[in-house]
Amino acid sequence: MVGKWFAETALDVAQWGRLFYQWGGTPFYVIKVDVPDWVTAQMFRVANLDNIGTARWASEGDLLDLLNSTNNGIIELATIAL
């Protein structure tokens, strides 16, 4: 499976980051991608991925290319406390 997961909330992103990067002490960054609803409607959606929260999957190829070409901005968010 090649592609990217996108969480629907910043809090969920922070939980995944802490889950996957806690052991090595590697820093992680949270970004916000503003994507049109008609694009996210085409993504595979899981309501409770890893028992953390809702996430959407964009497979590499046409859908990820569409997401990259139609996003309305990408910004880094401040650190999110849990």
N, C-alpha and C. Protein backbone atom coordinates (compact mmCIF):
# COMPACT_ATOMS: atom_id res chain seq x y z
N MET A 1 0.84 -1.17 0.00
CA MET A 1 0.00 0.00 0.00
C MET A 1 0.89 1.24 0.00
N VAL A 2 0.88 1.98 -1.07
CA VAL A 2 1.70 3.17 -1.18
C VAL A 2 0.79 4.38 -1.28
N GLY A 3 1.01 5.35 -0.40
CA GLY A 3 0.20 6.56 -0.37
C GLY A 3 0.42 7.29 0.93
N LYS A 4 -0.54 8.11 1.33
CA LYS A 4 -0.44 8.92 2.55
C LYS A 4 -1.75 8.88 3.32
N TRP A 5 -1.61 8.82 4.65
CA TRP A 5 -2.76 8.95 5.55
C TRP A 5 -2.88 10.41 5.96
N PHE A 6 -4.12 10.88 6.09
CA PHE A 6 -4.42 12.23 6.55
C PHE A 6 -5.43 12.14 7.68
N ALA A 7 -5.08 12.67 8.85
CA ALA A 7 -6.02 12.72 9.97
C ALA A 7 -7.00 13.86 9.75
N GLU A 8 -8.14 13.78 10.42
CA GLU A 8 -9.13 14.85 10.26
C GLU A 8 -9.05 15.90 11.35
N THR A 9 -8.29 15.65 12.43
CA THR A 9 -8.12 16.67 13.47
C THR A 9 -6.66 16.76 13.87
N ALA A 10 -6.26 17.94 14.30
CA ALA A 10 -4.88 18.16 14.74
C ALA A 10 -4.57 17.35 16.00
N LEU A 11 -5.54 17.20 16.88
CA LEU A 11 -5.32 16.42 18.10
C LEU A 11 -5.00 14.97 17.75
N ASP A 12 -5.70 14.40 16.78
CA ASP A 12 -5.41 13.03 16.36
C ASP A 12 -4.01 12.93 15.76
N VAL A 13 -3.62 13.91 14.97
CA VAL A 13 -2.27 13.92 14.40
C VAL A 13 -1.23 13.89 15.50
N ALA A 14 -1.43 14.70 16.53
CA ALA A 14 -0.48 14.74 17.65
C ALA A 14 -0.39 13.38 18.34
N GLN A 15 -1.52 12.71 18.50
CA GLN A 15 -1.50 11.38 19.12
C GLN A 15 -0.72 10.39 18.27
N TRP A 16 -0.93 10.39 16.96
CA TRP A 16 -0.18 9.50 16.09
C TRP A 16 1.31 9.84 16.13
N GLY A 17 1.64 11.10 16.10
CA GLY A 17 3.05 11.50 16.16
C GLY A 17 3.73 11.00 17.42
N ARG A 18 3.06 11.16 18.54
CA ARG A 18 3.64 10.69 19.80
C ARG A 18 3.74 9.17 19.84
N LEU A 19 2.78 8.49 19.24
CA LEU A 19 2.79 7.03 19.19
C LEU A 19 3.96 6.52 18.35
N PHE A 20 4.17 7.10 17.19
CA PHE A 20 5.18 6.58 16.27
C PHE A 20 6.58 7.15 16.46
N TYR A 21 6.73 8.28 17.12
CA TYR A 21 8.05 8.90 17.23
C TYR A 21 8.57 8.96 18.66
N GLN A 22 7.88 8.38 19.62
CA GLN A 22 8.30 8.49 21.02
C GLN A 22 9.59 7.73 21.32
N TRP A 23 9.82 6.61 20.66
CA TRP A 23 10.94 5.75 21.04
C TRP A 23 12.29 6.35 20.66
N GLY A 24 12.42 6.89 19.50
CA GLY A 24 13.70 7.42 19.07
C GLY A 24 13.93 8.86 19.47
N GLY A 25 12.92 9.50 20.02
CA GLY A 25 13.05 10.91 20.38
C GLY A 25 13.11 11.82 19.17
N THR A 26 12.76 11.29 18.02
CA THR A 26 12.78 12.06 16.79
C THR A 26 11.65 13.09 16.81
N PRO A 27 11.95 14.35 16.52
CA PRO A 27 10.86 15.34 16.49
C PRO A 27 9.94 15.08 15.30
N PHE A 28 8.70 15.49 15.45
CA PHE A 28 7.77 15.40 14.33
C PHE A 28 7.05 16.74 14.22
N TYR A 29 6.54 17.00 13.05
CA TYR A 29 5.88 18.26 12.77
C TYR A 29 4.46 17.99 12.29
N VAL A 30 3.54 18.83 12.71
CA VAL A 30 2.15 18.71 12.31
C VAL A 30 1.86 19.78 11.26
N ILE A 31 1.33 19.34 10.13
CA ILE A 31 0.97 20.28 9.08
C ILE A 31 -0.53 20.20 8.82
N LYS A 32 -1.07 21.29 8.35
CA LYS A 32 -2.48 21.34 7.97
C LYS A 32 -2.53 21.52 6.45
N VAL A 33 -3.31 20.65 5.81
CA VAL A 33 -3.49 20.72 4.36
C VAL A 33 -4.96 21.04 4.11
N ASP A 34 -5.22 22.15 3.45
CA ASP A 34 -6.59 22.56 3.14
C ASP A 34 -6.96 21.98 1.77
N VAL A 35 -7.88 21.00 1.80
CA VAL A 35 -8.24 20.26 0.59
C VAL A 35 -9.75 20.40 0.35
N PRO A 36 -10.16 20.61 -0.89
CA PRO A 36 -11.60 20.71 -1.18
C PRO A 36 -12.36 19.44 -0.77
N ASP A 37 -13.59 19.63 -0.32
CA ASP A 37 -14.42 18.50 0.11
C ASP A 37 -14.62 17.47 -0.99
N TRP A 38 -14.74 17.92 -2.23
CA TRP A 38 -14.97 16.96 -3.32
C TRP A 38 -13.77 16.05 -3.53
N VAL A 39 -12.58 16.48 -3.10
CA VAL A 39 -11.39 15.63 -3.20
C VAL A 39 -11.37 14.64 -2.03
N THR A 40 -11.61 15.14 -0.81
CA THR A 40 -11.59 14.23 0.34
C THR A 40 -12.70 13.19 0.25
N ALA A 41 -13.79 13.52 -0.42
CA ALA A 41 -14.89 12.55 -0.59
C ALA A 41 -14.44 11.32 -1.39
N GLN A 42 -13.39 11.46 -2.17
CA GLN A 42 -12.88 10.34 -2.97
C GLN A 42 -11.88 9.47 -2.22
N MET A 43 -11.46 9.92 -1.03
CA MET A 43 -10.45 9.20 -0.26
C MET A 43 -11.10 8.10 0.59
N PHE A 44 -10.35 7.01 0.79
CA PHE A 44 -10.79 5.94 1.67
C PHE A 44 -10.79 6.48 3.09
N ARG A 45 -11.86 6.24 3.85
CA ARG A 45 -12.01 6.81 5.20
C ARG A 45 -12.16 5.70 6.23
N VAL A 46 -11.41 5.82 7.33
CA VAL A 46 -11.49 4.90 8.46
C VAL A 46 -11.92 5.71 9.68
N ALA A 47 -12.98 5.28 10.35
CA ALA A 47 -13.56 6.06 11.45
C ALA A 47 -12.70 6.06 12.72
N ASN A 48 -11.94 5.02 12.97
CA ASN A 48 -11.18 4.95 14.23
C ASN A 48 -9.85 4.23 14.01
N LEU A 49 -9.02 4.78 13.16
CA LEU A 49 -7.74 4.16 12.83
C LEU A 49 -6.84 4.09 14.06
N ASP A 50 -6.30 2.92 14.33
CA ASP A 50 -5.41 2.70 15.48
C ASP A 50 -6.04 3.09 16.81
N ASN A 51 -7.37 3.08 16.87
CA ASN A 51 -8.10 3.50 18.08
C ASN A 51 -7.78 4.94 18.48
N ILE A 52 -7.44 5.75 17.49
CA ILE A 52 -7.12 7.16 17.76
C ILE A 52 -8.20 8.07 17.18
N GLY A 53 -8.48 7.96 15.90
CA GLY A 53 -9.47 8.85 15.31
C GLY A 53 -9.66 8.61 13.83
N THR A 54 -10.43 9.48 13.22
CA THR A 54 -10.76 9.35 11.80
C THR A 54 -9.59 9.77 10.93
N ALA A 55 -9.34 8.97 9.90
CA ALA A 55 -8.26 9.27 8.96
C ALA A 55 -8.71 8.91 7.55
N ARG A 56 -8.10 9.57 6.59
CA ARG A 56 -8.39 9.31 5.18
C ARG A 56 -7.10 8.93 4.47
N TRP A 57 -7.22 8.06 3.49
CA TRP A 57 -6.09 7.53 2.74
C TRP A 57 -6.14 8.02 1.30
N ALA A 58 -5.01 8.53 0.82
CA ALA A 58 -4.87 8.88 -0.59
C ALA A 58 -3.77 8.00 -1.17
N SER A 59 -4.14 7.13 -2.09
CA SER A 59 -3.15 6.24 -2.69
C SER A 59 -2.27 7.02 -3.66
N GLU A 60 -1.03 6.56 -3.78
CA GLU A 60 -0.11 7.21 -4.69
C GLU A 60 -0.63 7.06 -6.11
N GLY A 61 -0.50 8.09 -6.87
CA GLY A 61 -1.01 8.07 -8.25
C GLY A 61 -2.03 9.17 -8.44
N ASP A 62 -3.10 8.84 -9.13
CA ASP A 62 -4.09 9.85 -9.51
C ASP A 62 -4.67 10.62 -8.33
N LEU A 63 -5.07 9.91 -7.25
CA LEU A 63 -5.72 10.60 -6.14
C LEU A 63 -4.74 11.49 -5.37
N LEU A 64 -3.55 11.01 -5.10
CA LEU A 64 -2.56 11.84 -4.40
C LEU A 64 -2.13 13.01 -5.29
N ASP A 65 -2.00 12.77 -6.57
CA ASP A 65 -1.69 13.86 -7.51
C ASP A 65 -2.80 14.91 -7.51
N LEU A 66 -4.06 14.46 -7.49
CA LEU A 66 -5.20 15.38 -7.45
C LEU A 66 -5.17 16.19 -6.16
N LEU A 67 -4.91 15.54 -5.05
CA LEU A 67 -4.83 16.23 -3.76
C LEU A 67 -3.73 17.30 -3.79
N ASN A 68 -2.57 16.94 -4.32
CA ASN A 68 -1.46 17.89 -4.39
C ASN A 68 -1.76 19.06 -5.31
N SER A 69 -2.51 18.83 -6.38
CA SER A 69 -2.77 19.91 -7.34
C SER A 69 -3.96 20.79 -6.96
N THR A 70 -4.80 20.33 -6.02
CA THR A 70 -5.99 21.11 -5.68
C THR A 70 -5.97 21.66 -4.26
N ASN A 71 -4.92 21.39 -3.49
CA ASN A 71 -4.92 21.89 -2.11
C ASN A 71 -4.87 23.41 -2.11
N ASN A 72 -5.49 23.98 -1.10
CA ASN A 72 -5.58 25.44 -0.98
C ASN A 72 -4.56 26.00 0.00
N GLY A 73 -3.59 25.20 0.35
CA GLY A 73 -2.54 25.67 1.24
C GLY A 73 -2.08 24.59 2.21
N ILE A 74 -0.80 24.67 2.56
CA ILE A 74 -0.19 23.77 3.53
C ILE A 74 0.55 24.64 4.54
N ILE A 75 0.23 24.47 5.83
CA ILE A 75 0.90 25.25 6.87
C ILE A 75 1.32 24.33 8.01
N GLU A 76 2.39 24.71 8.70
CA GLU A 76 2.82 23.98 9.89
C GLU A 76 2.05 24.53 11.09
N LEU A 77 1.54 23.62 11.93
CA LEU A 77 0.82 24.02 13.13
C LEU A 77 1.76 24.05 14.32
N ALA A 78 1.41 24.83 15.32
CA ALA A 78 2.19 24.88 16.55
C ALA A 78 2.10 23.55 17.28
N THR A 79 2.99 23.32 18.22
CA THR A 79 2.96 22.11 19.03
C THR A 79 1.61 21.96 19.71
N ILE A 80 1.11 20.73 19.72
CA ILE A 80 -0.20 20.45 20.29
C ILE A 80 -0.04 19.63 21.55
N ALA A 81 -0.46 20.18 22.67
CA ALA A 81 -0.37 19.45 23.94
C ALA A 81 -1.51 18.45 24.03
N LEU A 82 -1.21 17.30 24.63
CA LEU A 82 -2.26 16.30 24.84
C LEU A 82 -2.75 16.35 26.26
